[in-house]
Amino acid sequence: MPGTKKTKPQSAARKRAAQARLADALAGAAWAEADTALAQALAEFETLSSAKTASERRDAMFLLGQALQRAARKRGLGGAAPKTAVRRRK
């Protein structure tokens, strides 16, 4: 057809380079998510540090435990703590 452009097939080296760029971008995004989760856990620790009553400390410990588990999952340490470690007491 006269109006269509023919595209060259990509060489194997270009495909590998494109895949490497994609992998780097995905890894960077995953680390950014993990850093955000860690920052949230640090914020929960600050809340725990400023808790005045036993009830506030208990609630803050619960939230801190959840935040630490989330950060661990984001870092690939999902099996680091048993799920029962963050059970809310009544």
PDB file of N, CA and C in Angstrom:
ATOM      1  N   MET A   1       0.844  -1.175   0.000  1.00  0.00           N
ATOM      2  CA  MET A   1       0.000   0.000   0.000  1.00  0.00           C
ATOM      3  C   MET A   1       0.888   1.237   0.000  1.00  0.00           C
ATOM      4  N   PRO A   2       0.565   2.206  -0.789  1.00  0.00           N
ATOM      5  CA  PRO A   2       1.429   3.371  -0.916  1.00  0.00           C
ATOM      6  C   PRO A   2       1.438   4.278   0.316  1.00  0.00           C
ATOM      7  N   GLY A   3       0.359   4.373   1.084  1.00  0.00           N
ATOM      8  CA  GLY A   3       0.297   5.309   2.190  1.00  0.00           C
ATOM      9  C   GLY A   3       0.748   4.741   3.538  1.00  0.00           C
ATOM     10  N   THR A   4       1.047   3.478   3.607  1.00  0.00           N
ATOM     11  CA  THR A   4       1.414   2.891   4.896  1.00  0.00           C
ATOM     12  C   THR A   4       2.918   2.863   5.059  1.00  0.00           C
ATOM     13  N   LYS A   5       3.322   3.036   6.296  1.00  0.00           N
ATOM     14  CA  LYS A   5       4.753   2.993   6.617  1.00  0.00           C
ATOM     15  C   LYS A   5       5.119   1.606   7.083  1.00  0.00           C
ATOM     16  N   LYS A   6       6.248   1.158   6.648  1.00  0.00           N
ATOM     17  CA  LYS A   6       6.728  -0.126   7.128  1.00  0.00           C
ATOM     18  C   LYS A   6       7.644   0.135   8.317  1.00  0.00           C
ATOM     19  N   THR A   7       7.443  -0.624   9.383  1.00  0.00           N
ATOM     20  CA  THR A   7       8.308  -0.474  10.545  1.00  0.00           C
ATOM     21  C   THR A   7       9.307  -1.610  10.555  1.00  0.00           C
ATOM     22  N   LYS A   8      10.501  -1.267  10.988  1.00  0.00           N
ATOM     23  CA  LYS A   8      11.533  -2.291  11.086  1.00  0.00           C
ATOM     24  C   LYS A   8      11.303  -3.113  12.340  1.00  0.00           C
ATOM     25  N   PRO A   9      11.509  -4.392  12.265  1.00  0.00           N
ATOM     26  CA  PRO A   9      11.428  -5.176  13.489  1.00  0.00           C
ATOM     27  C   PRO A   9      12.582  -4.793  14.420  1.00  0.00           C
ATOM     28  N   GLN A  10      12.311  -4.782  15.718  1.00  0.00           N
ATOM     29  CA  GLN A  10      13.350  -4.417  16.676  1.00  0.00           C
ATOM     30  C   GLN A  10      14.379  -5.527  16.763  1.00  0.00           C
ATOM     31  N   SER A  11      15.608  -5.110  16.937  1.00  0.00           N
ATOM     32  CA  SER A  11      16.659  -6.099  17.117  1.00  0.00           C
ATOM     33  C   SER A  11      16.548  -6.688  18.516  1.00  0.00           C
ATOM     34  N   ALA A  12      17.186  -7.803  18.733  1.00  0.00           N
ATOM     35  CA  ALA A  12      17.143  -8.467  20.032  1.00  0.00           C
ATOM     36  C   ALA A  12      17.756  -7.577  21.112  1.00  0.00           C
ATOM     37  N   ALA A  13      18.806  -6.851  20.772  1.00  0.00           N
ATOM     38  CA  ALA A  13      19.459  -5.977  21.740  1.00  0.00           C
ATOM     39  C   ALA A  13      18.528  -4.839  22.164  1.00  0.00           C
ATOM     40  N   ARG A  14      17.793  -4.286  21.219  1.00  0.00           N
ATOM     41  CA  ARG A  14      16.848  -3.206  21.552  1.00  0.00           C
ATOM     42  C   ARG A  14      15.705  -3.719  22.418  1.00  0.00           C
ATOM     43  N   LYS A  15      15.240  -4.933  22.130  1.00  0.00           N
ATOM     44  CA  LYS A  15      14.174  -5.508  22.950  1.00  0.00           C
ATOM     45  C   LYS A  15      14.659  -5.728  24.378  1.00  0.00           C
ATOM     46  N   ARG A  16      15.885  -6.251  24.522  1.00  0.00           N
ATOM     47  CA  ARG A  16      16.435  -6.464  25.862  1.00  0.00           C
ATOM     48  C   ARG A  16      16.600  -5.142  26.599  1.00  0.00           C
ATOM     49  N   ALA A  17      17.044  -4.117  25.896  1.00  0.00           N
ATOM     50  CA  ALA A  17      17.214  -2.805  26.520  1.00  0.00           C
ATOM     51  C   ALA A  17      15.869  -2.244  26.968  1.00  0.00           C
ATOM     52  N   ALA A  18      14.845  -2.408  26.146  1.00  0.00           N
ATOM     53  CA  ALA A  18      13.509  -1.932  26.512  1.00  0.00           C
ATOM     54  C   ALA A  18      12.984  -2.694  27.725  1.00  0.00           C
ATOM     55  N   GLN A  19      13.215  -3.997  27.755  1.00  0.00           N
ATOM     56  CA  GLN A  19      12.775  -4.801  28.899  1.00  0.00           C
ATOM     57  C   GLN A  19      13.531  -4.401  30.159  1.00  0.00           C
ATOM     58  N   ALA A  20      14.805  -4.097  30.029  1.00  0.00           N
ATOM     59  CA  ALA A  20      15.601  -3.680  31.186  1.00  0.00           C
ATOM     60  C   ALA A  20      15.110  -2.334  31.718  1.00  0.00           C
ATOM     61  N   ARG A  21      14.762  -1.409  30.833  1.00  0.00           N
ATOM     62  CA  ARG A  21      14.230  -0.116  31.266  1.00  0.00           C
ATOM     63  C   ARG A  21      12.904  -0.287  32.002  1.00  0.00           C
ATOM     64  N   LEU A  22      12.072  -1.171  31.481  1.00  0.00           N
ATOM     65  CA  LEU A  22      10.791  -1.437  32.132  1.00  0.00           C
ATOM     66  C   LEU A  22      11.014  -2.058  33.512  1.00  0.00           C
ATOM     67  N   ALA A  23      11.909  -3.023  33.595  1.00  0.00           N
ATOM     68  CA  ALA A  23      12.206  -3.657  34.881  1.00  0.00           C
ATOM     69  C   ALA A  23      12.749  -2.638  35.883  1.00  0.00           C
ATOM     70  N   ASP A  24      13.611  -1.749  35.426  1.00  0.00           N
ATOM     71  CA  ASP A  24      14.150  -0.707  36.310  1.00  0.00           C
ATOM     72  C   ASP A  24      13.045   0.230  36.797  1.00  0.00           C
ATOM     73  N   ALA A  25      12.144   0.589  35.912  1.00  0.00           N
ATOM     74  CA  ALA A  25      11.041   1.479  36.295  1.00  0.00           C
ATOM     75  C   ALA A  25      10.129   0.801  37.310  1.00  0.00           C
ATOM     76  N   LEU A  26       9.826  -0.468  37.093  1.00  0.00           N
ATOM     77  CA  LEU A  26       8.974  -1.199  38.035  1.00  0.00           C
ATOM     78  C   LEU A  26       9.657  -1.374  39.385  1.00  0.00           C
ATOM     79  N   ALA A  27      10.946  -1.652  39.373  1.00  0.00           N
ATOM     80  CA  ALA A  27      11.684  -1.796  40.631  1.00  0.00           C
ATOM     81  C   ALA A  27      11.710  -0.473  41.390  1.00  0.00           C
ATOM     82  N   GLY A  28      11.921   0.609  40.680  1.00  0.00           N
ATOM     83  CA  GLY A  28      11.920   1.929  41.311  1.00  0.00           C
ATOM     84  C   GLY A  28      10.575   2.243  41.940  1.00  0.00           C
ATOM     85  N   ALA A  29       9.499   1.890  41.246  1.00  0.00           N
ATOM     86  CA  ALA A  29       8.160   2.135  41.787  1.00  0.00           C
ATOM     87  C   ALA A  29       7.909   1.276  43.027  1.00  0.00           C
ATOM     88  N   ALA A  30       8.371   0.045  43.001  1.00  0.00           N
ATOM     89  CA  ALA A  30       8.183  -0.842  44.159  1.00  0.00           C
ATOM     90  C   ALA A  30       8.941  -0.317  45.375  1.00  0.00           C
ATOM     91  N   TRP A  31      10.167   0.150  45.158  1.00  0.00           N
ATOM     92  CA  TRP A  31      10.928   0.704  46.285  1.00  0.00           C
ATOM     93  C   TRP A  31      10.295   1.986  46.804  1.00  0.00           C
ATOM     94  N   ALA A  32       9.716   2.786  45.921  1.00  0.00           N
ATOM     95  CA  ALA A  32       9.037   4.008  46.363  1.00  0.00           C
ATOM     96  C   ALA A  32       7.838   3.657  47.241  1.00  0.00           C
ATOM     97  N   GLU A  33       7.085   2.618  46.858  1.00  0.00           N
ATOM     98  CA  GLU A  33       5.961   2.165  47.681  1.00  0.00           C
ATOM     99  C   GLU A  33       6.449   1.663  49.031  1.00  0.00           C
ATOM    100  N   ALA A  34       7.548   0.934  49.025  1.00  0.00           N
ATOM    101  CA  ALA A  34       8.104   0.417  50.281  1.00  0.00           C
ATOM    102  C   ALA A  34       8.582   1.554  51.170  1.00  0.00           C
ATOM    103  N   ASP A  35       9.184   2.557  50.590  1.00  0.00           N
ATOM    104  CA  ASP A  35       9.630   3.718  51.367  1.00  0.00           C
ATOM    105  C   ASP A  35       8.440   4.454  51.978  1.00  0.00           C
ATOM    106  N   THR A  36       7.350   4.568  51.226  1.00  0.00           N
ATOM    107  CA  THR A  36       6.150   5.213  51.742  1.00  0.00           C
ATOM    108  C   THR A  36       5.572   4.424  52.910  1.00  0.00           C
ATOM    109  N   ALA A  37       5.541   3.108  52.788  1.00  0.00           N
ATOM    110  CA  ALA A  37       5.026   2.265  53.875  1.00  0.00           C
ATOM    111  C   ALA A  37       5.897   2.395  55.119  1.00  0.00           C
ATOM    112  N   LEU A  38       7.199   2.478  54.933  1.00  0.00           N
ATOM    113  CA  LEU A  38       8.098   2.648  56.071  1.00  0.00           C
ATOM    114  C   LEU A  38       7.887   4.019  56.723  1.00  0.00           C
ATOM    115  N   ALA A  39       7.683   5.041  55.925  1.00  0.00           N
ATOM    116  CA  ALA A  39       7.414   6.377  56.472  1.00  0.00           C
ATOM    117  C   ALA A  39       6.114   6.379  57.275  1.00  0.00           C
ATOM    118  N   GLN A  40       5.115   5.641  56.807  1.00  0.00           N
ATOM    119  CA  GLN A  40       3.856   5.549  57.545  1.00  0.00           C
ATOM    120  C   GLN A  40       4.076   4.837  58.882  1.00  0.00           C
ATOM    121  N   ALA A  41       4.919   3.799  58.887  1.00  0.00           N
ATOM    122  CA  ALA A  41       5.215   3.099  60.140  1.00  0.00           C
ATOM    123  C   ALA A  41       5.944   4.025  61.112  1.00  0.00           C
ATOM    124  N   LEU A  42       6.844   4.844  60.609  1.00  0.00           N
ATOM    125  CA  LEU A  42       7.543   5.792  61.471  1.00  0.00           C
ATOM    126  C   LEU A  42       6.575   6.827  62.048  1.00  0.00           C
ATOM    127  N   ALA A  43       5.604   7.236  61.260  1.00  0.00           N
ATOM    128  CA  ALA A  43       4.590   8.166  61.756  1.00  0.00           C
ATOM    129  C   ALA A  43       3.756   7.512  62.858  1.00  0.00           C
ATOM    130  N   GLU A  44       3.436   6.243  62.694  1.00  0.00           N
ATOM    131  CA  GLU A  44       2.690   5.526  63.736  1.00  0.00           C
ATOM    132  C   GLU A  44       3.530   5.406  65.012  1.00  0.00           C
ATOM    133  N   PHE A  45       4.843   5.248  64.846  1.00  0.00           N
ATOM    134  CA  PHE A  45       5.715   5.194  66.019  1.00  0.00           C
ATOM    135  C   PHE A  45       5.696   6.526  66.760  1.00  0.00           C
ATOM    136  N   GLU A  46       5.686   7.622  66.032  1.00  0.00           N
ATOM    137  CA  GLU A  46       5.594   8.944  66.662  1.00  0.00           C
ATOM    138  C   GLU A  46       4.286   9.075  67.438  1.00  0.00           C
ATOM    139  N   THR A  47       3.214   8.545  66.874  1.00  0.00           N
ATOM    140  CA  THR A  47       1.927   8.569  67.567  1.00  0.00           C
ATOM    141  C   THR A  47       2.009   7.766  68.859  1.00  0.00           C
ATOM    142  N   LEU A  48       2.662   6.616  68.789  1.00  0.00           N
ATOM    143  CA  LEU A  48       2.842   5.796  69.984  1.00  0.00           C
ATOM    144  C   LEU A  48       3.664   6.537  71.032  1.00  0.00           C
ATOM    145  N   SER A  49       4.693   7.216  70.593  1.00  0.00           N
ATOM    146  CA  SER A  49       5.553   7.949  71.522  1.00  0.00           C
ATOM    147  C   SER A  49       4.815   9.054  72.256  1.00  0.00           C
ATOM    148  N   SER A  50       3.809   9.631  71.620  1.00  0.00           N
ATOM    149  CA  SER A  50       3.080  10.731  72.243  1.00  0.00           C
ATOM    150  C   SER A  50       1.805  10.276  72.953  1.00  0.00           C
ATOM    151  N   ALA A  51       1.538   8.979  72.962  1.00  0.00           N
ATOM    152  CA  ALA A  51       0.332   8.466  73.626  1.00  0.00           C
ATOM    153  C   ALA A  51       0.442   8.673  75.129  1.00  0.00           C
ATOM    154  N   LYS A  52      -0.635   9.147  75.728  1.00  0.00           N
ATOM    155  CA  LYS A  52      -0.610   9.470  77.156  1.00  0.00           C
ATOM    156  C   LYS A  52      -1.285   8.415  78.030  1.00  0.00           C
ATOM    157  N   THR A  53      -2.330   7.797  77.528  1.00  0.00           N
ATOM    158  CA  THR A  53      -3.052   6.814  78.340  1.00  0.00           C
ATOM    159  C   THR A  53      -2.749   5.404  77.846  1.00  0.00           C
ATOM    160  N   ALA A  54      -3.076   4.434  78.684  1.00  0.00           N
ATOM    161  CA  ALA A  54      -2.863   3.030  78.311  1.00  0.00           C
ATOM    162  C   ALA A  54      -3.707   2.667  77.088  1.00  0.00           C
ATOM    163  N   SER A  55      -4.908   3.201  77.023  1.00  0.00           N
ATOM    164  CA  SER A  55      -5.775   2.930  75.879  1.00  0.00           C
ATOM    165  C   SER A  55      -5.181   3.500  74.588  1.00  0.00           C
ATOM    166  N   GLU A  56      -4.657   4.723  74.657  1.00  0.00           N
ATOM    167  CA  GLU A  56      -4.011   5.331  73.473  1.00  0.00           C
ATOM    168  C   GLU A  56      -2.790   4.526  73.062  1.00  0.00           C
ATOM    169  N   ARG A  57      -2.005   4.066  74.043  1.00  0.00           N
ATOM    170  CA  ARG A  57      -0.811   3.271  73.727  1.00  0.00           C
ATOM    171  C   ARG A  57      -1.194   1.942  73.082  1.00  0.00           C
ATOM    172  N   ARG A  58      -2.238   1.307  73.605  1.00  0.00           N
ATOM    173  CA  ARG A  58      -2.681   0.026  73.041  1.00  0.00           C
ATOM    174  C   ARG A  58      -3.127   0.210  71.594  1.00  0.00           C
ATOM    175  N   ASP A  59      -3.930   1.249  71.350  1.00  0.00           N
ATOM    176  CA  ASP A  59      -4.389   1.511  69.983  1.00  0.00           C
ATOM    177  C   ASP A  59      -3.225   1.859  69.064  1.00  0.00           C
ATOM    178  N   ALA A  60      -2.288   2.659  69.569  1.00  0.00           N
ATOM    179  CA  ALA A  60      -1.131   3.046  68.760  1.00  0.00           C
ATOM    180  C   ALA A  60      -0.242   1.838  68.456  1.00  0.00           C
ATOM    181  N   MET A  61      -0.103   0.931  69.418  1.00  0.00           N
ATOM    182  CA  MET A  61       0.693  -0.285  69.187  1.00  0.00           C
ATOM    183  C   MET A  61       0.047  -1.147  68.111  1.00  0.00           C
ATOM    184  N   PHE A  62      -1.271  -1.236  68.149  1.00  0.00           N
ATOM    185  CA  PHE A  62      -1.996  -2.006  67.140  1.00  0.00           C
ATOM    186  C   PHE A  62      -1.751  -1.425  65.750  1.00  0.00           C
ATOM    187  N   LEU A  63      -1.899  -0.100  65.631  1.00  0.00           N
ATOM    188  CA  LEU A  63      -1.696   0.554  64.334  1.00  0.00           C
ATOM    189  C   LEU A  63      -0.241   0.465  63.888  1.00  0.00           C
ATOM    190  N   LEU A  64       0.686   0.580  64.833  1.00  0.00           N
ATOM    191  CA  LEU A  64       2.102   0.445  64.496  1.00  0.00           C
ATOM    192  C   LEU A  64       2.399  -0.957  63.976  1.00  0.00           C
ATOM    193  N   GLY A  65       1.841  -1.960  64.626  1.00  0.00           N
ATOM    194  CA  GLY A  65       2.037  -3.339  64.161  1.00  0.00           C
ATOM    195  C   GLY A  65       1.532  -3.545  62.750  1.00  0.00           C
ATOM    196  N   GLN A  66       0.369  -2.993  62.459  1.00  0.00           N
ATOM    197  CA  GLN A  66      -0.175  -3.095  61.102  1.00  0.00           C
ATOM    198  C   GLN A  66       0.733  -2.393  60.094  1.00  0.00           C
ATOM    199  N   ALA A  67       1.202  -1.209  60.455  1.00  0.00           N
ATOM    200  CA  ALA A  67       2.061  -0.446  59.541  1.00  0.00           C
ATOM    201  C   ALA A  67       3.377  -1.171  59.296  1.00  0.00           C
ATOM    202  N   LEU A  68       3.927  -1.784  60.344  1.00  0.00           N
ATOM    203  CA  LEU A  68       5.185  -2.523  60.170  1.00  0.00           C
ATOM    204  C   LEU A  68       4.987  -3.757  59.298  1.00  0.00           C
ATOM    205  N   GLN A  69       3.875  -4.442  59.475  1.00  0.00           N
ATOM    206  CA  GLN A  69       3.598  -5.595  58.616  1.00  0.00           C
ATOM    207  C   GLN A  69       3.435  -5.166  57.163  1.00  0.00           C
ATOM    208  N   ARG A  70       2.760  -4.049  56.943  1.00  0.00           N
ATOM    209  CA  ARG A  70       2.588  -3.535  55.573  1.00  0.00           C
ATOM    210  C   ARG A  70       3.945  -3.198  54.967  1.00  0.00           C
ATOM    211  N   ALA A  71       4.795  -2.536  55.737  1.00  0.00           N
ATOM    212  CA  ALA A  71       6.131  -2.185  55.240  1.00  0.00           C
ATOM    213  C   ALA A  71       6.942  -3.443  54.955  1.00  0.00           C
ATOM    214  N   ALA A  72       6.823  -4.451  55.813  1.00  0.00           N
ATOM    215  CA  ALA A  72       7.549  -5.705  55.600  1.00  0.00           C
ATOM    216  C   ALA A  72       7.092  -6.384  54.317  1.00  0.00           C
ATOM    217  N   ARG A  73       5.784  -6.392  54.071  1.00  0.00           N
ATOM    218  CA  ARG A  73       5.279  -6.997  52.824  1.00  0.00           C
ATOM    219  C   ARG A  73       5.805  -6.258  51.610  1.00  0.00           C
ATOM    220  N   LYS A  74       5.838  -4.930  51.694  1.00  0.00           N
ATOM    221  CA  LYS A  74       6.326  -4.140  50.559  1.00  0.00           C
ATOM    222  C   LYS A  74       7.808  -4.399  50.297  1.00  0.00           C
ATOM    223  N   ARG A  75       8.562  -4.692  51.339  1.00  0.00           N
ATOM    224  CA  ARG A  75       9.992  -4.977  51.202  1.00  0.00           C
ATOM    225  C   ARG A  75      10.260  -6.439  50.857  1.00  0.00           C
ATOM    226  N   GLY A  76       9.189  -7.230  50.786  1.00  0.00           N
ATOM    227  CA  GLY A  76       9.375  -8.638  50.452  1.00  0.00           C
ATOM    228  C   GLY A  76       9.640  -9.508  51.659  1.00  0.00           C
ATOM    229  N   LEU A  77       9.292  -9.012  52.835  1.00  0.00           N
ATOM    230  CA  LEU A  77       9.500  -9.761  54.072  1.00  0.00           C
ATOM    231  C   LEU A  77       8.157 -10.204  54.631  1.00  0.00           C
ATOM    232  N   GLY A  78       7.259 -10.633  53.772  1.00  0.00           N
ATOM    233  CA  GLY A  78       5.904 -10.962  54.180  1.00  0.00           C
ATOM    234  C   GLY A  78       5.796 -12.030  55.240  1.00  0.00           C
ATOM    235  N   GLY A  79       6.708 -12.979  55.264  1.00  0.00           N
ATOM    236  CA  GLY A  79       6.643 -14.046  56.247  1.00  0.00           C
ATOM    237  C   GLY A  79       7.409 -13.741  57.513  1.00  0.00           C
ATOM    238  N   ALA A  80       7.814 -12.499  57.695  1.00  0.00           N
ATOM    239  CA  ALA A  80       8.667 -12.146  58.828  1.00  0.00           C
ATOM    240  C   ALA A  80       7.937 -12.222  60.158  1.00  0.00           C
ATOM    241  N   ALA A  81       6.663 -11.910  60.172  1.00  0.00           N
ATOM    242  CA  ALA A  81       5.922 -11.911  61.435  1.00  0.00           C
ATOM    243  C   ALA A  81       4.633 -12.711  61.260  1.00  0.00           C
ATOM    244  N   PRO A  82       4.307 -13.524  62.238  1.00  0.00           N
ATOM    245  CA  PRO A  82       3.044 -14.264  62.132  1.00  0.00           C
ATOM    246  C   PRO A  82       1.861 -13.314  62.210  1.00  0.00           C
ATOM    247  N   LYS A  83       0.765 -13.680  61.595  1.00  0.00           N
ATOM    248  CA  LYS A  83      -0.416 -12.806  61.578  1.00  0.00           C
ATOM    249  C   LYS A  83      -0.970 -12.585  62.970  1.00  0.00           C
ATOM    250  N   THR A  84      -0.749 -13.516  63.862  1.00  0.00           N
ATOM    251  CA  THR A  84      -1.280 -13.364  65.212  1.00  0.00           C
ATOM    252  C   THR A  84      -0.514 -12.315  66.006  1.00  0.00           C
ATOM    253  N   ALA A  85       0.615 -11.850  65.488  1.00  0.00           N
ATOM    254  CA  ALA A  85       1.405 -10.861  66.209  1.00  0.00           C
ATOM    255  C   ALA A  85       0.689  -9.517  66.296  1.00  0.00           C
ATOM    256  N   VAL A  86      -0.236  -9.266  65.383  1.00  0.00           N
ATOM    257  CA  VAL A  86      -0.946  -7.991  65.384  1.00  0.00           C
ATOM    258  C   VAL A  86      -2.427  -8.265  65.588  1.00  0.00           C
ATOM    259  N   ARG A  87      -2.734  -8.822  66.706  1.00  0.00           N
ATOM    260  CA  ARG A  87      -4.127  -9.086  67.047  1.00  0.00           C
ATOM    261  C   ARG A  87      -4.564  -8.063  68.075  1.00  0.00           C
ATOM    262  N   ARG A  88      -5.662  -7.449  67.832  1.00  0.00           N
ATOM    263  CA  ARG A  88      -6.142  -6.404  68.738  1.00  0.00           C
ATOM    264  C   ARG A  88      -6.742  -7.031  69.990  1.00  0.00           C
ATOM    265  N   ARG A  89      -6.275  -6.557  71.114  1.00  0.00           N
ATOM    266  CA  ARG A  89      -6.813  -7.035  72.394  1.00  0.00           C
ATOM    267  C   ARG A  89      -7.965  -6.158  72.825  1.00  0.00           C
ATOM    268  N   LYS A  90      -8.873  -6.746  73.554  1.00  0.00           N
ATOM    269  CA  LYS A  90     -10.039  -5.990  74.041  1.00  0.00           C
ATOM    270  C   LYS A  90      -9.867  -5.622  75.490  1.00  0.00           C
TER     271      LYS A  90
END
